[in-house]
Amino acid sequence: MPKSANLAILSRDFVDTSHLIVAEGQRLHVLGEMPSVSEAIRELVSLGYSRIHVEFGPTSMRELLASEVRVSLFLSGPSERSLEQAAQALGSKMEHLAQVDDLHLGLAR
């Protein structure tokens, strides 16, 4: 579990949550068999969430970016070029935000 945030697991496969310790005040949501990633995000919004941090692979990210769900996608990588390539693979444009040591940060839309 995250240290203080709630956790939602979106997976079409069975997820063993028995090892997760849900602290008092935290919530765990397991959203399986949702028709799409954007539908899962809508479900979380209907539960009252307005700031949702997601970690998906490229296929799910492309779907989410193409949906009507408004998202900001932060990218990180070893070079500005790597961010541009990631954004291009996702079918989006990238704005370089900052460089912290050897890590470049960007925003894809």
Protein backbone atom coordinates (compact mmCIF):
# COMPACT_ATOMS: atom_id res chain seq x y z
CA MET A 1 0.00 0.00 0.00
CA PRO A 2 1.11 3.58 -0.51
CA LYS A 3 2.20 5.32 2.67
CA SER A 4 -0.85 7.60 2.93
CA ALA A 5 -2.83 7.48 -0.32
CA ASN A 6 -5.64 5.14 -1.23
CA LEU A 7 -4.92 2.44 -3.80
CA ALA A 8 -7.01 1.26 -6.72
CA ILE A 9 -5.91 -1.81 -8.65
CA LEU A 10 -7.20 -2.09 -12.20
CA SER A 11 -6.59 -5.55 -13.57
CA ARG A 12 -8.46 -8.07 -15.67
CA ASP A 13 -6.53 -10.82 -13.88
CA PHE A 14 -6.99 -12.03 -10.32
CA VAL A 15 -5.03 -9.90 -7.85
CA ASP A 16 -4.02 -11.34 -4.50
CA THR A 17 -4.41 -8.47 -2.02
CA SER A 18 -3.94 -10.58 1.11
CA HIS A 19 -0.44 -9.17 1.68
CA LEU A 20 -1.60 -5.53 1.55
CA ILE A 21 -2.07 -3.82 4.89
CA VAL A 22 -4.73 -1.13 4.65
CA ALA A 23 -4.09 1.49 7.32
CA GLU A 24 -6.91 3.19 9.19
CA GLY A 25 -8.36 5.88 6.94
CA GLN A 26 -7.05 4.28 3.74
CA ARG A 27 -9.16 2.53 1.13
CA LEU A 28 -8.32 -0.26 -1.30
CA HIS A 29 -10.36 -0.62 -4.49
CA VAL A 30 -9.95 -3.60 -6.80
CA LEU A 31 -11.59 -2.75 -10.12
CA GLY A 32 -11.58 -5.83 -12.29
CA GLU A 33 -13.32 -6.50 -15.57
CA MET A 34 -13.90 -2.83 -16.39
CA PRO A 35 -14.74 -2.33 -20.08
CA SER A 36 -11.91 0.21 -20.51
CA VAL A 37 -9.29 2.21 -18.68
CA SER A 38 -11.32 5.40 -19.10
CA GLU A 39 -14.35 3.63 -17.59
CA ALA A 40 -12.24 2.64 -14.58
CA ILE A 41 -11.12 6.26 -14.14
CA ARG A 42 -14.74 7.39 -14.36
CA GLU A 43 -15.59 4.85 -11.64
CA LEU A 44 -12.90 6.32 -9.37
CA VAL A 45 -14.23 9.84 -10.04
CA SER A 46 -17.73 8.63 -9.11
CA LEU A 47 -16.25 7.42 -5.81
CA GLY A 48 -15.15 11.00 -5.11
CA TYR A 49 -11.56 11.03 -6.32
CA SER A 50 -10.39 14.11 -8.24
CA ARG A 51 -6.61 13.55 -8.26
CA ILE A 52 -5.70 10.14 -9.60
CA HIS A 53 -2.12 8.99 -10.14
CA VAL A 54 -1.95 6.07 -12.56
CA GLU A 55 0.87 3.79 -13.62
CA PHE A 56 -0.09 2.01 -16.82
CA GLY A 57 1.76 0.56 -19.77
CA PRO A 58 1.77 2.18 -23.22
CA THR A 59 -1.40 0.46 -24.50
CA SER A 60 -3.53 1.64 -21.58
CA MET A 61 -1.96 5.10 -21.67
CA ARG A 62 -2.76 5.48 -25.38
CA GLU A 63 -6.36 4.49 -24.66
CA LEU A 64 -6.62 6.95 -21.79
CA LEU A 65 -5.08 9.81 -23.80
CA ALA A 66 -7.51 9.12 -26.67
CA SER A 67 -10.55 9.09 -24.36
CA GLU A 68 -12.62 12.06 -23.25
CA VAL A 69 -11.11 11.77 -19.76
CA ARG A 70 -8.92 14.81 -19.12
CA VAL A 71 -5.42 13.67 -18.12
CA SER A 72 -1.96 15.10 -17.63
CA LEU A 73 0.74 12.55 -18.33
CA PHE A 74 4.13 13.18 -16.76
CA LEU A 75 7.07 11.45 -18.41
CA SER A 76 10.58 10.99 -17.09
CA GLY A 77 13.70 9.74 -18.79
CA PRO A 78 17.46 10.12 -19.24
CA SER A 79 17.19 12.68 -22.07
CA GLU A 80 14.78 15.10 -23.66
CA ARG A 81 14.89 12.91 -26.77
CA SER A 82 13.72 9.87 -24.75
CA LEU A 83 10.71 11.90 -23.60
CA GLU A 84 9.93 12.93 -27.17
CA GLN A 85 10.11 9.31 -28.30
CA ALA A 86 7.82 8.17 -25.47
CA ALA A 87 5.29 10.90 -26.24
CA GLN A 88 5.41 10.05 -29.94
CA ALA A 89 4.83 6.35 -29.17
CA LEU A 90 1.77 7.39 -27.16
CA GLY A 91 0.51 9.57 -30.01
CA SER A 92 0.84 12.79 -28.03
CA LYS A 93 2.94 15.93 -27.92
CA MET A 94 5.49 16.56 -25.18
CA GLU A 95 6.44 19.71 -23.33
CA HIS A 96 9.82 19.57 -21.56
CA LEU A 97 9.34 20.77 -18.00
CA ALA A 98 12.64 20.40 -16.17
CA GLN A 99 15.90 18.57 -15.73
CA VAL A 100 16.90 17.32 -12.30
CA ASP A 101 20.44 15.98 -12.36
CA ASP A 102 20.34 13.33 -15.12
CA LEU A 103 16.55 12.99 -15.14
CA HIS A 104 14.40 14.91 -17.62
CA LEU A 105 10.72 15.53 -16.88
CA GLY A 106 8.04 16.27 -19.41
CA LEU A 107 4.29 16.59 -19.82
CA ALA A 108 2.51 14.72 -22.59
CA ARG A 109 -0.95 15.71 -23.80
